[in-house]
Amino acid sequence: MNATTRAGLHVAITDDGAVVVDGDQNTVTALGPIAAAVFQLADGTRDQAELLRAVGAQTGEQVEVEVIWSTLDRLADAGLLVERVTPPAGAAFIDRRSALRKAAAGTAAVG
């Protein structure tokens, strides 16, 4: 299954990403630039490779596949995806701790 964001969420684009308001869960989630791009592009029509290319094109940054999977994982944790998407068997994937280190280094993930 391809990643799909939930319907009914209110999104405000900011200079440094986006803010997603979920009225059903009464939550607000701040997204960094890469996470905001993943969120916006996760419309269910793109597989992992297409999502990776589209995020890179939208942000103008070279994005590693591990960052895409970690970001999708965090978006699922925040309840922003229809359902959790798992990497295919053998896919490169880093754990959250490693992703957070990358985010702290400027790669950006869900904030």
PDB file of N, CA and C in Angstrom:
ATOM      1  N   MET A   1       0.838  -1.184   0.000  1.00  0.00           N
ATOM      2  CA  MET A   1       0.000   0.000   0.000  1.00  0.00           C
ATOM      3  C   MET A   1       0.878   1.242   0.000  1.00  0.00           C
ATOM      4  N   ASN A   2       0.445   2.243  -0.720  1.00  0.00           N
ATOM      5  CA  ASN A   2       1.140   3.522  -0.736  1.00  0.00           C
ATOM      6  C   ASN A   2       0.638   4.398   0.405  1.00  0.00           C
ATOM      7  N   ALA A   3       1.498   5.267   0.893  1.00  0.00           N
ATOM      8  CA  ALA A   3       1.137   6.154   2.003  1.00  0.00           C
ATOM      9  C   ALA A   3       0.052   7.134   1.575  1.00  0.00           C
ATOM     10  N   THR A   4      -0.935   7.305   2.459  1.00  0.00           N
ATOM     11  CA  THR A   4      -2.033   8.224   2.200  1.00  0.00           C
ATOM     12  C   THR A   4      -2.335   9.011   3.472  1.00  0.00           C
ATOM     13  N   THR A   5      -2.367  10.333   3.354  1.00  0.00           N
ATOM     14  CA  THR A   5      -2.709  11.158   4.511  1.00  0.00           C
ATOM     15  C   THR A   5      -4.221  11.090   4.749  1.00  0.00           C
ATOM     16  N   ARG A   6      -4.599  11.283   6.003  1.00  0.00           N
ATOM     17  CA  ARG A   6      -6.010  11.253   6.373  1.00  0.00           C
ATOM     18  C   ARG A   6      -6.728  12.484   5.833  1.00  0.00           C
ATOM     19  N   ALA A   7      -7.977  12.318   5.505  1.00  0.00           N
ATOM     20  CA  ALA A   7      -8.825  13.428   5.072  1.00  0.00           C
ATOM     21  C   ALA A   7      -9.270  14.227   6.301  1.00  0.00           C
ATOM     22  N   GLY A   8      -9.661  15.451   6.093  1.00  0.00           N
ATOM     23  CA  GLY A   8     -10.225  16.260   7.158  1.00  0.00           C
ATOM     24  C   GLY A   8      -9.214  16.970   8.036  1.00  0.00           C
ATOM     25  N   LEU A   9      -7.958  16.912   7.676  1.00  0.00           N
ATOM     26  CA  LEU A   9      -6.927  17.609   8.438  1.00  0.00           C
ATOM     27  C   LEU A   9      -6.750  19.014   7.867  1.00  0.00           C
ATOM     28  N   HIS A  10      -6.490  19.968   8.729  1.00  0.00           N
ATOM     29  CA  HIS A  10      -6.269  21.346   8.295  1.00  0.00           C
ATOM     30  C   HIS A  10      -4.767  21.604   8.283  1.00  0.00           C
ATOM     31  N   VAL A  11      -4.265  22.083   7.152  1.00  0.00           N
ATOM     32  CA  VAL A  11      -2.833  22.267   6.979  1.00  0.00           C
ATOM     33  C   VAL A  11      -2.535  23.731   6.695  1.00  0.00           C
ATOM     34  N   ALA A  12      -1.573  24.266   7.432  1.00  0.00           N
ATOM     35  CA  ALA A  12      -1.074  25.619   7.183  1.00  0.00           C
ATOM     36  C   ALA A  12       0.396  25.502   6.810  1.00  0.00           C
ATOM     37  N   ILE A  13       0.735  25.973   5.619  1.00  0.00           N
ATOM     38  CA  ILE A  13       2.125  25.966   5.168  1.00  0.00           C
ATOM     39  C   ILE A  13       2.838  27.142   5.821  1.00  0.00           C
ATOM     40  N   THR A  14       4.016  26.877   6.364  1.00  0.00           N
ATOM     41  CA  THR A  14       4.809  27.915   7.013  1.00  0.00           C
ATOM     42  C   THR A  14       6.130  28.087   6.255  1.00  0.00           C
ATOM     43  N   ASP A  15       6.914  29.073   6.650  1.00  0.00           N
ATOM     44  CA  ASP A  15       8.216  29.289   6.015  1.00  0.00           C
ATOM     45  C   ASP A  15       9.157  28.110   6.212  1.00  0.00           C
ATOM     46  N   ASP A  16       8.983  27.381   7.296  1.00  0.00           N
ATOM     47  CA  ASP A  16       9.900  26.281   7.594  1.00  0.00           C
ATOM     48  C   ASP A  16       9.203  24.928   7.678  1.00  0.00           C
ATOM     49  N   GLY A  17       8.119  24.743   6.926  1.00  0.00           N
ATOM     50  CA  GLY A  17       7.427  23.459   6.923  1.00  0.00           C
ATOM     51  C   GLY A  17       5.923  23.628   6.858  1.00  0.00           C
ATOM     52  N   ALA A  18       5.234  23.010   7.810  1.00  0.00           N
ATOM     53  CA  ALA A  18       3.777  23.077   7.859  1.00  0.00           C
ATOM     54  C   ALA A  18       3.298  22.767   9.271  1.00  0.00           C
ATOM     55  N   VAL A  19       2.073  23.157   9.540  1.00  0.00           N
ATOM     56  CA  VAL A  19       1.409  22.822  10.791  1.00  0.00           C
ATOM     57  C   VAL A  19       0.119  22.108  10.408  1.00  0.00           C
ATOM     58  N   VAL A  20      -0.109  20.941  11.021  1.00  0.00           N
ATOM     59  CA  VAL A  20      -1.298  20.145  10.723  1.00  0.00           C
ATOM     60  C   VAL A  20      -2.174  20.111  11.967  1.00  0.00           C
ATOM     61  N   VAL A  21      -3.416  20.524  11.800  1.00  0.00           N
ATOM     62  CA  VAL A  21      -4.377  20.529  12.900  1.00  0.00           C
ATOM     63  C   VAL A  21      -5.376  19.406  12.657  1.00  0.00           C
ATOM     64  N   ASP A  22      -5.509  18.540  13.644  1.00  0.00           N
ATOM     65  CA  ASP A  22      -6.454  17.433  13.585  1.00  0.00           C
ATOM     66  C   ASP A  22      -7.550  17.715  14.604  1.00  0.00           C
ATOM     67  N   GLY A  23      -8.679  18.219  14.118  1.00  0.00           N
ATOM     68  CA  GLY A  23      -9.788  18.560  15.000  1.00  0.00           C
ATOM     69  C   GLY A  23     -10.408  17.361  15.677  1.00  0.00           C
ATOM     70  N   ASP A  24     -10.360  16.195  15.018  1.00  0.00           N
ATOM     71  CA  ASP A  24     -10.932  14.987  15.602  1.00  0.00           C
ATOM     72  C   ASP A  24     -10.150  14.530  16.829  1.00  0.00           C
ATOM     73  N   GLN A  25      -8.814  14.640  16.763  1.00  0.00           N
ATOM     74  CA  GLN A  25      -7.974  14.203  17.872  1.00  0.00           C
ATOM     75  C   GLN A  25      -7.506  15.370  18.747  1.00  0.00           C
ATOM     76  N   ASN A  26      -7.908  16.591  18.378  1.00  0.00           N
ATOM     77  CA  ASN A  26      -7.489  17.794  19.101  1.00  0.00           C
ATOM     78  C   ASN A  26      -5.976  17.881  19.240  1.00  0.00           C
ATOM     79  N   THR A  27      -5.282  17.686  18.101  1.00  0.00           N
ATOM     80  CA  THR A  27      -3.828  17.750  18.110  1.00  0.00           C
ATOM     81  C   THR A  27      -3.335  18.724  17.048  1.00  0.00           C
ATOM     82  N   VAL A  28      -2.152  19.244  17.300  1.00  0.00           N
ATOM     83  CA  VAL A  28      -1.457  20.094  16.342  1.00  0.00           C
ATOM     84  C   VAL A  28      -0.065  19.492  16.171  1.00  0.00           C
ATOM     85  N   THR A  29       0.338  19.278  14.923  1.00  0.00           N
ATOM     86  CA  THR A  29       1.639  18.689  14.640  1.00  0.00           C
ATOM     87  C   THR A  29       2.425  19.626  13.741  1.00  0.00           C
ATOM     88  N   ALA A  30       3.617  20.003  14.184  1.00  0.00           N
ATOM     89  CA  ALA A  30       4.505  20.833  13.371  1.00  0.00           C
ATOM     90  C   ALA A  30       5.401  19.928  12.544  1.00  0.00           C
ATOM     91  N   LEU A  31       5.538  20.238  11.273  1.00  0.00           N
ATOM     92  CA  LEU A  31       6.355  19.445  10.367  1.00  0.00           C
ATOM     93  C   LEU A  31       7.489  20.298   9.811  1.00  0.00           C
ATOM     94  N   GLY A  32       8.681  19.736   9.777  1.00  0.00           N
ATOM     95  CA  GLY A  32       9.799  20.396   9.127  1.00  0.00           C
ATOM     96  C   GLY A  32       9.610  20.337   7.623  1.00  0.00           C
ATOM     97  N   PRO A  33      10.517  20.935   6.857  1.00  0.00           N
ATOM     98  CA  PRO A  33      10.342  21.008   5.399  1.00  0.00           C
ATOM     99  C   PRO A  33      10.213  19.648   4.711  1.00  0.00           C
ATOM    100  N   ILE A  34      11.046  18.700   5.060  1.00  0.00           N
ATOM    101  CA  ILE A  34      10.969  17.392   4.409  1.00  0.00           C
ATOM    102  C   ILE A  34       9.714  16.650   4.845  1.00  0.00           C
ATOM    103  N   ALA A  35       9.398  16.688   6.126  1.00  0.00           N
ATOM    104  CA  ALA A  35       8.182  16.032   6.611  1.00  0.00           C
ATOM    105  C   ALA A  35       6.939  16.663   5.989  1.00  0.00           C
ATOM    106  N   ALA A  36       6.947  17.982   5.829  1.00  0.00           N
ATOM    107  CA  ALA A  36       5.812  18.659   5.199  1.00  0.00           C
ATOM    108  C   ALA A  36       5.658  18.203   3.754  1.00  0.00           C
ATOM    109  N   ALA A  37       6.773  18.043   3.040  1.00  0.00           N
ATOM    110  CA  ALA A  37       6.722  17.576   1.656  1.00  0.00           C
ATOM    111  C   ALA A  37       6.201  16.142   1.600  1.00  0.00           C
ATOM    112  N   VAL A  38       6.694  15.273   2.482  1.00  0.00           N
ATOM    113  CA  VAL A  38       6.209  13.889   2.521  1.00  0.00           C
ATOM    114  C   VAL A  38       4.705  13.888   2.786  1.00  0.00           C
ATOM    115  N   PHE A  39       4.271  14.664   3.764  1.00  0.00           N
ATOM    116  CA  PHE A  39       2.857  14.741   4.115  1.00  0.00           C
ATOM    117  C   PHE A  39       2.023  15.192   2.912  1.00  0.00           C
ATOM    118  N   GLN A  40       2.455  16.248   2.243  1.00  0.00           N
ATOM    119  CA  GLN A  40       1.700  16.786   1.110  1.00  0.00           C
ATOM    120  C   GLN A  40       1.667  15.821  -0.068  1.00  0.00           C
ATOM    121  N   LEU A  41       2.726  15.075  -0.264  1.00  0.00           N
ATOM    122  CA  LEU A  41       2.837  14.195  -1.429  1.00  0.00           C
ATOM    123  C   LEU A  41       2.309  12.782  -1.184  1.00  0.00           C
ATOM    124  N   ALA A  42       2.009  12.447   0.053  1.00  0.00           N
ATOM    125  CA  ALA A  42       1.501  11.105   0.390  1.00  0.00           C
ATOM    126  C   ALA A  42       0.000  11.062   0.108  1.00  0.00           C
ATOM    127  N   ASP A  43      -0.325  10.954  -1.170  1.00  0.00           N
ATOM    128  CA  ASP A  43      -1.730  10.961  -1.578  1.00  0.00           C
ATOM    129  C   ASP A  43      -2.224   9.591  -2.026  1.00  0.00           C
ATOM    130  N   GLY A  44      -1.398   8.557  -1.792  1.00  0.00           N
ATOM    131  CA  GLY A  44      -1.788   7.200  -2.143  1.00  0.00           C
ATOM    132  C   GLY A  44      -1.454   6.804  -3.566  1.00  0.00           C
ATOM    133  N   THR A  45      -0.975   7.745  -4.377  1.00  0.00           N
ATOM    134  CA  THR A  45      -0.673   7.438  -5.774  1.00  0.00           C
ATOM    135  C   THR A  45       0.800   7.132  -6.004  1.00  0.00           C
ATOM    136  N   ARG A  46       1.654   7.427  -5.030  1.00  0.00           N
ATOM    137  CA  ARG A  46       3.098   7.266  -5.214  1.00  0.00           C
ATOM    138  C   ARG A  46       3.640   6.120  -4.367  1.00  0.00           C
ATOM    139  N   ASP A  47       4.448   5.277  -4.997  1.00  0.00           N
ATOM    140  CA  ASP A  47       5.153   4.277  -4.218  1.00  0.00           C
ATOM    141  C   ASP A  47       6.383   4.944  -3.599  1.00  0.00           C
ATOM    142  N   GLN A  48       7.165   4.157  -2.865  1.00  0.00           N
ATOM    143  CA  GLN A  48       8.308   4.710  -2.131  1.00  0.00           C
ATOM    144  C   GLN A  48       9.290   5.425  -3.053  1.00  0.00           C
ATOM    145  N   ALA A  49       9.600   4.845  -4.188  1.00  0.00           N
ATOM    146  CA  ALA A  49      10.565   5.450  -5.103  1.00  0.00           C
ATOM    147  C   ALA A  49      10.030   6.762  -5.681  1.00  0.00           C
ATOM    148  N   GLU A  50       8.750   6.778  -6.046  1.00  0.00           N
ATOM    149  CA  GLU A  50       8.146   7.997  -6.588  1.00  0.00           C
ATOM    150  C   GLU A  50       8.053   9.080  -5.517  1.00  0.00           C
ATOM    151  N   LEU A  51       7.733   8.680  -4.297  1.00  0.00           N
ATOM    152  CA  LEU A  51       7.667   9.628  -3.192  1.00  0.00           C
ATOM    153  C   LEU A  51       9.042  10.229  -2.928  1.00  0.00           C
ATOM    154  N   LEU A  52      10.067   9.413  -2.952  1.00  0.00           N
ATOM    155  CA  LEU A  52      11.434   9.878  -2.749  1.00  0.00           C
ATOM    156  C   LEU A  52      11.811  10.921  -3.801  1.00  0.00           C
ATOM    157  N   ARG A  53      11.540  10.630  -5.069  1.00  0.00           N
ATOM    158  CA  ARG A  53      11.851  11.582  -6.148  1.00  0.00           C
ATOM    159  C   ARG A  53      11.055  12.872  -5.996  1.00  0.00           C
ATOM    160  N   ALA A  54       9.758  12.749  -5.697  1.00  0.00           N
ATOM    161  CA  ALA A  54       8.898  13.927  -5.593  1.00  0.00           C
ATOM    162  C   ALA A  54       9.302  14.821  -4.427  1.00  0.00           C
ATOM    163  N   VAL A  55       9.650  14.215  -3.295  1.00  0.00           N
ATOM    164  CA  VAL A  55      10.085  15.006  -2.134  1.00  0.00           C
ATOM    165  C   VAL A  55      11.381  15.736  -2.470  1.00  0.00           C
ATOM    166  N   GLY A  56      12.312  15.040  -3.111  1.00  0.00           N
ATOM    167  CA  GLY A  56      13.563  15.681  -3.521  1.00  0.00           C
ATOM    168  C   GLY A  56      13.324  16.839  -4.464  1.00  0.00           C
ATOM    169  N   ALA A  57      12.429  16.650  -5.429  1.00  0.00           N
ATOM    170  CA  ALA A  57      12.125  17.712  -6.388  1.00  0.00           C
ATOM    171  C   ALA A  57      11.452  18.901  -5.706  1.00  0.00           C
ATOM    172  N   GLN A  58      10.546  18.626  -4.766  1.00  0.00           N
ATOM    173  CA  GLN A  58       9.820  19.709  -4.097  1.00  0.00           C
ATOM    174  C   GLN A  58      10.720  20.496  -3.150  1.00  0.00           C
ATOM    175  N   THR A  59      11.603  19.808  -2.444  1.00  0.00           N
ATOM    176  CA  THR A  59      12.444  20.487  -1.456  1.00  0.00           C
ATOM    177  C   THR A  59      13.760  20.974  -2.033  1.00  0.00           C
ATOM    178  N   GLY A  60      14.153  20.432  -3.180  1.00  0.00           N
ATOM    179  CA  GLY A  60      15.441  20.788  -3.754  1.00  0.00           C
ATOM    180  C   GLY A  60      16.609  20.170  -3.003  1.00  0.00           C
ATOM    181  N   GLU A  61      16.328  19.179  -2.179  1.00  0.00           N
ATOM    182  CA  GLU A  61      17.359  18.505  -1.397  1.00  0.00           C
ATOM    183  C   GLU A  61      17.458  17.043  -1.806  1.00  0.00           C
ATOM    184  N   GLN A  62      18.644  16.482  -1.651  1.00  0.00           N
ATOM    185  CA  GLN A  62      18.796  15.050  -1.864  1.00  0.00           C
ATOM    186  C   GLN A  62      18.350  14.367  -0.577  1.00  0.00           C
ATOM    187  N   VAL A  63      17.292  13.591  -0.666  1.00  0.00           N
ATOM    188  CA  VAL A  63      16.695  12.951   0.498  1.00  0.00           C
ATOM    189  C   VAL A  63      16.976  11.458   0.431  1.00  0.00           C
ATOM    190  N   GLU A  64      17.410  10.899   1.539  1.00  0.00           N
ATOM    191  CA  GLU A  64      17.689   9.467   1.606  1.00  0.00           C
ATOM    192  C   GLU A  64      16.401   8.693   1.875  1.00  0.00           C
ATOM    193  N   VAL A  65      16.319   7.494   1.337  1.00  0.00           N
ATOM    194  CA  VAL A  65      15.129   6.666   1.492  1.00  0.00           C
ATOM    195  C   VAL A  65      14.829   6.396   2.966  1.00  0.00           C
ATOM    196  N   GLU A  66      15.871   6.294   3.780  1.00  0.00           N
ATOM    197  CA  GLU A  66      15.662   6.052   5.210  1.00  0.00           C
ATOM    198  C   GLU A  66      14.890   7.194   5.858  1.00  0.00           C
ATOM    199  N   VAL A  67      15.130   8.402   5.398  1.00  0.00           N
ATOM    200  CA  VAL A  67      14.429   9.569   5.952  1.00  0.00           C
ATOM    201  C   VAL A  67      12.953   9.511   5.569  1.00  0.00           C
ATOM    202  N   ILE A  68      12.659   9.082   4.340  1.00  0.00           N
ATOM    203  CA  ILE A  68      11.259   8.957   3.918  1.00  0.00           C
ATOM    204  C   ILE A  68      10.535   7.949   4.801  1.00  0.00           C
ATOM    205  N   TRP A  69      11.130   6.768   4.999  1.00  0.00           N
ATOM    206  CA  TRP A  69      10.473   5.741   5.821  1.00  0.00           C
ATOM    207  C   TRP A  69      10.329   6.192   7.270  1.00  0.00           C
ATOM    208  N   SER A  70      11.346   6.832   7.817  1.00  0.00           N
ATOM    209  CA  SER A  70      11.259   7.316   9.197  1.00  0.00           C
ATOM    210  C   SER A  70      10.182   8.387   9.331  1.00  0.00           C
ATOM    211  N   THR A  71      10.098   9.255   8.333  1.00  0.00           N
ATOM    212  CA  THR A  71       9.083  10.299   8.360  1.00  0.00           C
ATOM    213  C   THR A  71       7.686   9.697   8.256  1.00  0.00           C
ATOM    214  N   LEU A  72       7.501   8.732   7.370  1.00  0.00           N
ATOM    215  CA  LEU A  72       6.199   8.057   7.272  1.00  0.00           C
ATOM    216  C   LEU A  72       5.837   7.383   8.585  1.00  0.00           C
ATOM    217  N   ASP A  73       6.824   6.809   9.250  1.00  0.00           N
ATOM    218  CA  ASP A  73       6.594   6.178  10.545  1.00  0.00           C
ATOM    219  C   ASP A  73       6.131   7.206  11.573  1.00  0.00           C
ATOM    220  N   ARG A  74       6.781   8.340  11.593  1.00  0.00           N
ATOM    221  CA  ARG A  74       6.402   9.395  12.545  1.00  0.00           C
ATOM    222  C   ARG A  74       5.033   9.993  12.210  1.00  0.00           C
ATOM    223  N   LEU A  75       4.735  10.152  10.910  1.00  0.00           N
ATOM    224  CA  LEU A  75       3.409  10.641  10.524  1.00  0.00           C
ATOM    225  C   LEU A  75       2.329   9.658  10.971  1.00  0.00           C
ATOM    226  N   ALA A  76       2.601   8.368  10.859  1.00  0.00           N
ATOM    227  CA  ALA A  76       1.645   7.356  11.329  1.00  0.00           C
ATOM    228  C   ALA A  76       1.484   7.447  12.843  1.00  0.00           C
ATOM    229  N   ASP A  77       2.600   7.619  13.565  1.00  0.00           N
ATOM    230  CA  ASP A  77       2.530   7.764  15.028  1.00  0.00           C
ATOM    231  C   ASP A  77       1.649   8.944  15.425  1.00  0.00           C
ATOM    232  N   ALA A  78       1.704  10.012  14.626  1.00  0.00           N
ATOM    233  CA  ALA A  78       0.919  11.214  14.921  1.00  0.00           C
ATOM    234  C   ALA A  78      -0.531  11.075  14.457  1.00  0.00           C
ATOM    235  N   GLY A  79      -0.881   9.935  13.834  1.00  0.00           N
ATOM    236  CA  GLY A  79      -2.250   9.719  13.387  1.00  0.00           C
ATOM    237  C   GLY A  79      -2.607  10.479  12.120  1.00  0.00           C
ATOM    238  N   LEU A  80      -1.606  10.846  11.318  1.00  0.00           N
ATOM    239  CA  LEU A  80      -1.858  11.659  10.136  1.00  0.00           C
ATOM    240  C   LEU A  80      -1.992  10.846   8.848  1.00  0.00           C
ATOM    241  N   LEU A  81      -1.753   9.540   8.924  1.00  0.00           N
ATOM    242  CA  LEU A  81      -1.900   8.674   7.759  1.00  0.00           C
ATOM    243  C   LEU A  81      -3.118   7.779   7.926  1.00  0.00           C
ATOM    244  N   VAL A  82      -3.691   7.358   6.810  1.00  0.00           N
ATOM    245  CA  VAL A  82      -4.834   6.449   6.848  1.00  0.00           C
ATOM    246  C   VAL A  82      -4.442   5.179   7.581  1.00  0.00           C
ATOM    247  N   GLU A  83      -3.261   4.631   7.237  1.00  0.00           N
ATOM    248  CA  GLU A  83      -2.723   3.488   7.959  1.00  0.00           C
ATOM    249  C   GLU A  83      -1.208   3.477   7.826  1.00  0.00           C
ATOM    250  N   ARG A  84      -0.580   2.789   8.751  1.00  0.00           N
ATOM    251  CA  ARG A  84       0.883   2.704   8.757  1.00  0.00           C
ATOM    252  C   ARG A  84       1.358   1.954   7.521  1.00  0.00           C
ATOM    253  N   VAL A  85       2.412   2.468   6.920  1.00  0.00           N
ATOM    254  CA  VAL A  85       3.018   1.841   5.753  1.00  0.00           C
ATOM    255  C   VAL A  85       4.376   1.321   6.194  1.00  0.00           C
ATOM    256  N   THR A  86       4.620   0.056   5.932  1.00  0.00           N
ATOM    257  CA  THR A  86       5.897  -0.522   6.334  1.00  0.00           C
ATOM    258  C   THR A  86       6.787  -0.707   5.118  1.00  0.00           C
ATOM    259  N   PRO A  87       8.090  -0.593   5.320  1.00  0.00           N
ATOM    260  CA  PRO A  87       9.009  -0.791   4.194  1.00  0.00           C
ATOM    261  C   PRO A  87       8.934  -2.225   3.693  1.00  0.00           C
ATOM    262  N   PRO A  88       9.165  -2.421   2.401  1.00  0.00           N
ATOM    263  CA  PRO A  88       9.192  -3.786   1.894  1.00  0.00           C
ATOM    264  C   PRO A  88      10.362  -4.555   2.486  1.00  0.00           C
ATOM    265  N   ALA A  89      10.274  -5.857   2.499  1.00  0.00           N
ATOM    266  CA  ALA A  89      11.354  -6.694   3.037  1.00  0.00           C
ATOM    267  C   ALA A  89      12.663  -6.339   2.344  1.00  0.00           C
ATOM    268  N   GLY A  90      13.696  -6.172   3.132  1.00  0.00           N
ATOM    269  CA  GLY A  90      15.009  -5.857   2.597  1.00  0.00           C
ATOM    270  C   GLY A  90      15.233  -4.385   2.316  1.00  0.00           C
ATOM    271  N   ALA A  91      14.222  -3.539   2.534  1.00  0.00           N
ATOM    272  CA  ALA A  91      14.387  -2.110   2.271  1.00  0.00           C
ATOM    273  C   ALA A  91      15.277  -1.483   3.327  1.00  0.00           C
ATOM    274  N   ALA A  92      16.028  -0.495   2.904  1.00  0.00           N
ATOM    275  CA  ALA A  92      16.874   0.241   3.844  1.00  0.00           C
ATOM    276  C   ALA A  92      15.967   1.037   4.769  1.00  0.00           C
ATOM    277  N   PHE A  93      16.215   0.953   6.055  1.00  0.00           N
ATOM    278  CA  PHE A  93      15.391   1.673   7.028  1.00  0.00           C
ATOM    279  C   PHE A  93      16.208   1.881   8.290  1.00  0.00           C
ATOM    280  N   ILE A  94      16.132   3.066   8.842  1.00  0.00           N
ATOM    281  CA  ILE A  94      16.844   3.352  10.075  1.00  0.00           C
ATOM    282  C   ILE A  94      15.839   3.474  11.210  1.00  0.00           C
ATOM    283  N   ASP A  95      16.284   3.202  12.411  1.00  0.00           N
ATOM    284  CA  ASP A  95      15.375   3.304  13.533  1.00  0.00           C
ATOM    285  C   ASP A  95      15.128   4.772  13.893  1.00  0.00           C
ATOM    286  N   ARG A  96      14.150   4.996  14.737  1.00  0.00           N
ATOM    287  CA  ARG A  96      13.783   6.369  15.111  1.00  0.00           C
ATOM    288  C   ARG A  96      14.935   7.134  15.739  1.00  0.00           C
ATOM    289  N   ARG A  97      15.704   6.471  16.560  1.00  0.00           N
ATOM    290  CA  ARG A  97      16.814   7.143  17.224  1.00  0.00           C
ATOM    291  C   ARG A  97      17.792   7.707  16.181  1.00  0.00           C
ATOM    292  N   SER A  98      18.110   6.909  15.179  1.00  0.00           N
ATOM    293  CA  SER A  98      18.992   7.370  14.106  1.00  0.00           C
ATOM    294  C   SER A  98      18.333   8.490  13.306  1.00  0.00           C
ATOM    295  N   ALA A  99      17.035   8.352  13.074  1.00  0.00           N
ATOM    296  CA  ALA A  99      16.314   9.391  12.335  1.00  0.00           C
ATOM    297  C   ALA A  99      16.315  10.699  13.106  1.00  0.00           C
ATOM    298  N   LEU A 100      16.149  10.618  14.417  1.00  0.00           N
ATOM    299  CA  LEU A 100      16.163  11.831  15.223  1.00  0.00           C
ATOM    300  C   LEU A 100      17.532  12.497  15.197  1.00  0.00           C
ATOM    301  N   ARG A 101      18.593  11.683  15.186  1.00  0.00           N
ATOM    302  CA  ARG A 101      19.931  12.256  15.066  1.00  0.00           C
ATOM    303  C   ARG A 101      20.075  12.979  13.734  1.00  0.00           C
ATOM    304  N   LYS A 102      19.548  12.385  12.649  1.00  0.00           N
ATOM    305  CA  LYS A 102      19.597  13.032  11.338  1.00  0.00           C
ATOM    306  C   LYS A 102      18.767  14.310  11.356  1.00  0.00           C
ATOM    307  N   ALA A 103      17.607  14.252  11.997  1.00  0.00           N
ATOM    308  CA  ALA A 103      16.748  15.437  12.064  1.00  0.00           C
ATOM    309  C   ALA A 103      17.453  16.549  12.819  1.00  0.00           C
ATOM    310  N   ALA A 104      18.092  16.215  13.912  1.00  0.00           N
ATOM    311  CA  ALA A 104      18.807  17.215  14.703  1.00  0.00           C
ATOM    312  C   ALA A 104      19.957  17.805  13.923  1.00  0.00           C
ATOM    313  N   ALA A 105      20.481  17.017  12.991  1.00  0.00           N
ATOM    314  CA  ALA A 105      21.597  17.497  12.164  1.00  0.00           C
ATOM    315  C   ALA A 105      21.107  18.333  10.991  1.00  0.00           C
ATOM    316  N   GLY A 106      19.803  18.530  10.866  1.00  0.00           N
ATOM    317  CA  GLY A 106      19.279  19.394   9.835  1.00  0.00           C
ATOM    318  C   GLY A 106      18.524  18.699   8.731  1.00  0.00           C
ATOM    319  N   THR A 107      18.392  17.370   8.773  1.00  0.00           N
ATOM    320  CA  THR A 107      17.672  16.661   7.735  1.00  0.00           C
ATOM    321  C   THR A 107      16.184  16.902   7.847  1.00  0.00           C
ATOM    322  N   ALA A 108      15.673  17.104   9.023  1.00  0.00           N
ATOM    323  CA  ALA A 108      14.281  17.406   9.333  1.00  0.00           C
ATOM    324  C   ALA A 108      13.384  16.186   9.234  1.00  0.00           C
ATOM    325  N   ALA A 109      12.591  16.030  10.238  1.00  0.00           N
ATOM    326  CA  ALA A 109      11.551  15.005  10.280  1.00  0.00           C
ATOM    327  C   ALA A 109      10.341  15.664  10.905  1.00  0.00           C
ATOM    328  N   VAL A 110       9.407  14.876  11.338  1.00  0.00           N
ATOM    329  CA  VAL A 110       8.252  15.448  11.997  1.00  0.00           C
ATOM    330  C   VAL A 110       8.715  16.117  13.270  1.00  0.00           C
ATOM    331  N   GLY A 111       8.278  17.335  13.504  1.00  0.00           N
ATOM    332  CA  GLY A 111       8.740  18.086  14.672  1.00  0.00           C
ATOM    333  C   GLY A 111       7.728  18.206  15.739  1.00  0.00           C
TER     334      GLY A 111
END
